[in-house]
N, C-alpha and C. Protein backbone atom coordinates (compact mmCIF):
# COMPACT_ATOMS: atom_id res chain seq x y z
N UNK A 1 105.86 126.30 99.68
CA UNK A 1 105.91 125.85 101.30
C UNK A 1 107.35 126.22 101.76
N UNK A 2 107.36 127.18 103.14
CA UNK A 2 109.17 127.49 103.23
C UNK A 2 109.23 126.51 104.90
N UNK A 3 110.83 125.60 104.67
CA UNK A 3 111.10 124.45 105.81
C UNK A 3 111.83 125.04 106.71
N UNK A 4 112.15 124.54 107.47
CA UNK A 4 113.00 125.42 108.83
C UNK A 4 114.63 125.50 108.21
N UNK A 5 115.29 125.09 107.28
CA UNK A 5 116.21 125.57 106.67
C UNK A 5 116.16 126.84 105.88
N UNK A 6 114.88 127.09 105.74
CA UNK A 6 114.37 128.79 105.15
C UNK A 6 114.54 128.47 103.40
N UNK A 7 114.68 127.13 102.89
CA UNK A 7 114.29 126.97 101.56
C UNK A 7 112.88 126.85 101.75
N UNK A 8 112.18 127.01 99.79
CA UNK A 8 110.71 126.94 99.66
C UNK A 8 110.84 125.65 98.80
N UNK A 9 109.94 124.70 98.80
CA UNK A 9 109.79 123.34 98.34
C UNK A 9 108.38 123.51 98.03
N UNK A 10 107.95 122.79 96.85
CA UNK A 10 106.58 122.49 96.78
C UNK A 10 105.96 120.52 96.85
N UNK A 11 105.27 120.90 97.63
CA UNK A 11 104.15 119.32 98.09
C UNK A 11 104.12 119.22 96.86
N UNK A 12 104.83 118.27 96.34
CA UNK A 12 104.70 117.21 95.12
C UNK A 12 104.83 116.06 95.34
N UNK A 13 104.30 114.89 94.34
CA UNK A 13 104.91 113.40 94.87
C UNK A 13 105.70 113.25 95.34
N UNK A 14 107.38 113.46 95.07
CA UNK A 14 108.25 113.73 95.97
C UNK A 14 108.17 113.66 97.39
N UNK A 15 107.75 115.27 97.60
CA UNK A 15 107.76 115.89 98.54
C UNK A 15 106.84 114.85 99.80
N UNK A 16 105.89 114.50 99.39
CA UNK A 16 104.74 113.92 100.16
C UNK A 16 105.51 112.57 100.35
N UNK A 17 105.68 111.87 99.48
CA UNK A 17 106.45 110.30 99.83
C UNK A 17 107.50 110.44 100.63
N UNK A 18 108.87 111.48 100.86
CA UNK A 18 109.53 111.68 101.63
C UNK A 18 109.34 112.17 102.43
N UNK A 19 108.27 112.77 103.24
CA UNK A 19 107.67 113.60 104.36
C UNK A 19 106.26 112.17 104.94
N UNK A 20 105.91 111.18 104.05
CA UNK A 20 105.35 110.34 104.92
C UNK A 20 106.76 109.51 105.55
N UNK A 21 107.68 108.69 104.71
CA UNK A 21 108.35 108.17 104.89
C UNK A 21 109.50 108.46 105.75
N UNK A 22 110.30 109.66 105.74
CA UNK A 22 110.71 110.05 106.93
C UNK A 22 110.55 111.85 107.05
N UNK A 23 109.51 111.73 108.09
CA UNK A 23 108.69 113.19 108.08
C UNK A 23 109.74 114.24 108.67
N UNK A 24 110.76 113.72 108.81
CA UNK A 24 111.67 114.89 109.73
C UNK A 24 112.86 115.09 108.72
N UNK A 25 112.73 114.55 107.59
CA UNK A 25 113.86 115.19 106.41
C UNK A 25 113.45 117.04 106.24
N UNK A 26 112.37 117.17 105.81
CA UNK A 26 111.88 118.65 105.76
C UNK A 26 110.62 118.99 106.53
N UNK A 27 111.22 119.62 107.57
CA UNK A 27 110.26 120.25 108.98
C UNK A 27 109.39 121.56 108.14
N UNK A 28 108.35 121.60 108.08
CA UNK A 28 107.69 123.07 107.69
C UNK A 28 107.64 123.66 108.69
N UNK A 29 108.06 124.96 108.11
CA UNK A 29 108.77 126.26 109.37
C UNK A 29 107.42 126.37 110.38
N UNK A 30 107.58 126.59 111.27
CA UNK A 30 106.26 126.92 112.17
C UNK A 30 106.06 125.34 113.39
N UNK A 31 106.32 124.64 112.68
CA UNK A 31 106.03 123.14 112.81
C UNK A 31 107.49 122.67 113.70
N UNK A 32 106.96 121.51 114.62
CA UNK A 32 107.88 121.18 115.56
C UNK A 32 108.67 119.77 114.87
N UNK A 33 109.56 119.34 114.64
CA UNK A 33 110.25 118.06 114.28
C UNK A 33 109.65 116.75 115.01
N UNK A 34 109.72 115.72 114.75
CA UNK A 34 108.99 114.43 115.38
C UNK A 34 107.38 114.49 116.05
N UNK A 35 106.88 115.31 115.13
CA UNK A 35 105.47 114.83 115.56
C UNK A 35 104.87 113.90 114.92
N UNK A 36 105.09 113.41 113.61
CA UNK A 36 104.45 112.65 112.81
C UNK A 36 105.18 111.19 112.64
N UNK A 37 104.64 110.34 113.09
CA UNK A 37 105.70 108.83 113.24
C UNK A 37 106.43 108.75 111.53
N UNK A 38 107.03 107.67 111.60
CA UNK A 38 107.70 107.53 110.67
C UNK A 38 107.51 106.19 110.00
N UNK A 39 106.88 106.07 108.53
CA UNK A 39 106.08 104.88 107.93
C UNK A 39 106.98 104.06 107.25
N UNK A 40 108.10 104.35 107.72
CA UNK A 40 108.92 103.20 106.64
C UNK A 40 108.92 102.39 106.94
N UNK A 41 108.31 101.08 105.91
CA UNK A 41 108.43 99.60 106.49
C UNK A 41 106.55 99.50 107.47
N UNK A 42 105.94 100.32 107.46
CA UNK A 42 104.80 100.46 107.89
C UNK A 42 103.73 99.90 106.81
N UNK A 43 103.71 100.68 105.84
CA UNK A 43 102.79 100.45 104.95
C UNK A 43 103.52 100.07 103.11
N UNK A 44 102.86 99.81 102.60
CA UNK A 44 103.30 98.57 101.38
C UNK A 44 103.42 99.76 100.21
N UNK A 45 104.14 99.51 98.70
CA UNK A 45 104.28 100.45 97.62
C UNK A 45 102.92 101.04 97.33
N UNK A 46 101.66 100.02 97.62
CA UNK A 46 100.45 100.39 96.93
C UNK A 46 100.09 100.99 97.96
N UNK A 47 99.94 100.88 98.90
CA UNK A 47 99.32 101.62 100.01
C UNK A 47 99.70 103.33 99.91
N UNK A 48 101.14 103.36 99.98
CA UNK A 48 102.14 104.59 99.62
C UNK A 48 101.48 105.32 98.66
N UNK A 49 101.18 104.61 97.56
CA UNK A 49 100.61 105.44 96.13
C UNK A 49 99.26 105.46 96.35
N UNK A 50 98.48 105.03 97.03
CA UNK A 50 97.35 105.48 97.46
C UNK A 50 97.13 106.63 98.02
N UNK A 51 97.74 106.21 99.31
CA UNK A 51 97.97 107.60 100.01
C UNK A 51 98.12 108.84 99.71
N UNK A 52 98.80 108.87 98.75
CA UNK A 52 99.65 110.05 98.13
C UNK A 52 98.60 110.47 96.93
N UNK A 53 98.09 109.89 96.25
CA UNK A 53 96.81 110.06 95.86
C UNK A 53 95.60 110.93 96.26
N UNK A 54 95.35 110.10 97.66
CA UNK A 54 94.31 110.91 98.36
C UNK A 54 94.42 111.97 98.71
N UNK A 55 95.97 112.33 99.15
CA UNK A 55 96.24 113.23 99.81
C UNK A 55 96.11 114.61 98.51
N UNK A 56 96.92 114.34 97.54
CA UNK A 56 96.53 115.12 96.44
C UNK A 56 95.17 115.29 96.00
N UNK A 57 94.38 114.78 96.01
CA UNK A 57 93.07 114.86 95.89
C UNK A 57 92.28 116.04 96.74
N UNK A 58 93.13 115.70 97.83
CA UNK A 58 92.22 117.09 99.00
C UNK A 58 92.53 118.64 98.41
N UNK A 59 93.93 118.77 98.34
CA UNK A 59 94.44 120.19 98.08
C UNK A 59 94.35 120.67 96.99
N UNK A 60 95.09 121.66 97.08
CA UNK A 60 95.06 122.58 95.10
C UNK A 60 96.17 121.91 94.48
N UNK A 61 96.30 122.19 93.32
CA UNK A 61 97.41 121.68 92.61
C UNK A 61 98.95 122.21 92.84
N UNK A 62 99.92 121.19 93.12
CA UNK A 62 101.11 122.08 93.26
C UNK A 62 101.69 123.42 92.78
N UNK A 63 101.85 125.03 93.48
CA UNK A 63 101.87 125.80 92.95
C UNK A 63 100.82 126.87 92.44
N UNK A 64 99.63 126.11 92.81
CA UNK A 64 98.23 127.34 92.27
C UNK A 64 97.53 127.09 94.12
N UNK A 65 96.63 127.99 93.89
CA UNK A 65 95.71 128.32 95.26
C UNK A 65 94.16 127.63 94.59
N UNK A 66 94.44 127.23 93.57
CA UNK A 66 92.46 127.10 93.40
C UNK A 66 93.00 125.34 93.67
N UNK A 67 91.55 124.56 93.94
CA UNK A 67 91.66 122.87 94.11
C UNK A 67 91.58 122.30 93.04
N UNK A 68 92.35 121.29 92.96
CA UNK A 68 92.37 120.32 91.64
C UNK A 68 91.30 119.73 91.43
N UNK A 69 90.07 119.70 92.45
CA UNK A 69 88.93 118.63 92.29
C UNK A 69 87.76 119.09 93.06
N UNK A 70 86.49 118.61 92.74
CA UNK A 70 85.61 119.48 93.66
C UNK A 70 85.64 118.51 95.26
N UNK A 71 86.76 117.91 95.44
CA UNK A 71 86.80 117.13 97.03
C UNK A 71 86.39 115.91 96.90
N UNK A 72 86.12 115.55 95.84
CA UNK A 72 85.42 113.86 95.84
C UNK A 72 86.97 112.98 95.96
N UNK A 73 86.91 111.63 96.58
CA UNK A 73 87.80 111.30 97.33
C UNK A 73 88.08 110.06 95.54
N UNK A 74 89.29 110.20 95.32
CA UNK A 74 90.03 108.75 94.82
C UNK A 74 89.05 107.91 94.08
N UNK A 75 88.77 107.20 92.99
CA UNK A 75 88.15 106.05 92.58
C UNK A 75 88.45 104.75 93.34
N UNK A 76 89.29 104.47 93.86
CA UNK A 76 89.87 103.52 94.77
C UNK A 76 89.62 103.68 95.95
N UNK A 77 89.14 105.10 96.74
CA UNK A 77 89.06 104.86 98.30
C UNK A 77 88.14 103.91 98.64
N UNK A 78 88.41 103.43 100.42
CA UNK A 78 87.95 102.66 100.45
C UNK A 78 88.11 101.21 100.36
N UNK A 79 88.60 101.04 98.96
CA UNK A 79 89.42 99.96 98.80
C UNK A 79 90.29 98.87 98.86
N UNK A 80 90.91 99.82 99.22
CA UNK A 80 92.48 99.33 99.23
C UNK A 80 92.46 99.28 100.93
N UNK A 81 93.59 97.99 100.87
CA UNK A 81 93.61 97.65 102.31
C UNK A 81 94.78 99.19 103.25
N UNK A 82 94.40 98.94 104.49
CA UNK A 82 94.81 100.48 105.48
C UNK A 82 94.39 101.87 104.77
N UNK A 83 93.57 101.90 104.28
CA UNK A 83 92.90 102.98 103.55
C UNK A 83 91.46 103.11 103.77
N UNK A 84 90.65 104.08 104.83
CA UNK A 84 89.77 104.30 105.43
C UNK A 84 88.93 104.69 104.47
N UNK A 85 87.67 104.32 104.95
CA UNK A 85 86.41 104.10 103.95
C UNK A 85 85.67 103.28 103.98
N UNK A 86 84.25 103.10 103.45
CA UNK A 86 83.51 102.15 103.88
C UNK A 86 84.27 100.68 102.59
N UNK A 87 83.97 99.66 104.21
CA UNK A 87 84.58 98.44 102.99
C UNK A 87 85.81 97.95 103.53
N UNK A 88 86.67 99.13 103.88
CA UNK A 88 88.60 99.21 104.17
C UNK A 88 88.40 98.19 105.45
N UNK A 89 89.67 97.75 105.16
CA UNK A 89 90.07 96.91 106.56
C UNK A 89 91.13 97.75 106.67
N UNK A 90 91.58 97.58 108.19
CA UNK A 90 93.21 97.67 108.74
C UNK A 90 94.60 97.24 107.97
N UNK A 91 95.66 98.02 108.19
CA UNK A 91 96.83 97.18 108.07
C UNK A 91 96.84 95.78 108.50
N UNK A 92 96.12 95.24 109.88
CA UNK A 92 96.44 94.19 110.25
C UNK A 92 95.20 93.42 109.63
N UNK A 93 94.51 93.70 108.87
CA UNK A 93 93.18 93.06 108.47
C UNK A 93 91.91 93.15 108.76
N UNK A 94 91.99 93.82 110.15
CA UNK A 94 90.57 94.05 110.45
C UNK A 94 89.14 94.86 109.84
N UNK A 95 88.37 94.65 109.72
CA UNK A 95 87.18 95.11 108.94
C UNK A 95 86.73 96.46 109.59
N UNK A 96 86.05 97.33 109.11
CA UNK A 96 85.69 98.65 110.07
C UNK A 96 84.15 98.54 110.22
N UNK A 97 83.89 98.46 111.10
CA UNK A 97 82.39 98.29 111.22
C UNK A 97 81.66 99.91 110.96
N UNK A 98 80.50 99.11 110.77
CA UNK A 98 79.52 100.20 110.54
C UNK A 98 78.81 100.56 111.37
N UNK A 99 78.77 102.11 111.44
CA UNK A 99 77.98 103.13 112.70
C UNK A 99 76.69 103.14 112.61
């Protein structure tokens, strides 16, 4: 994808990590800065890894236009603190209510 500097970057693990922890580091062309909050100090390393895994499961492999999976959630989806899904808890520890 192209960022505002004109450089092209691939949305790999490193880019996703940087974009979650410092979202203004590389702004995708066409988007304004300061839209996404900075999550530095807000989520643990374990939660960050789970979030990156989930994001990767949603889209195509870097550099391809083909989906990487059938769209199924990662195996631990919903069991990690702060990651949504049945039985998940919020970062503050509160339980998600069933609907």
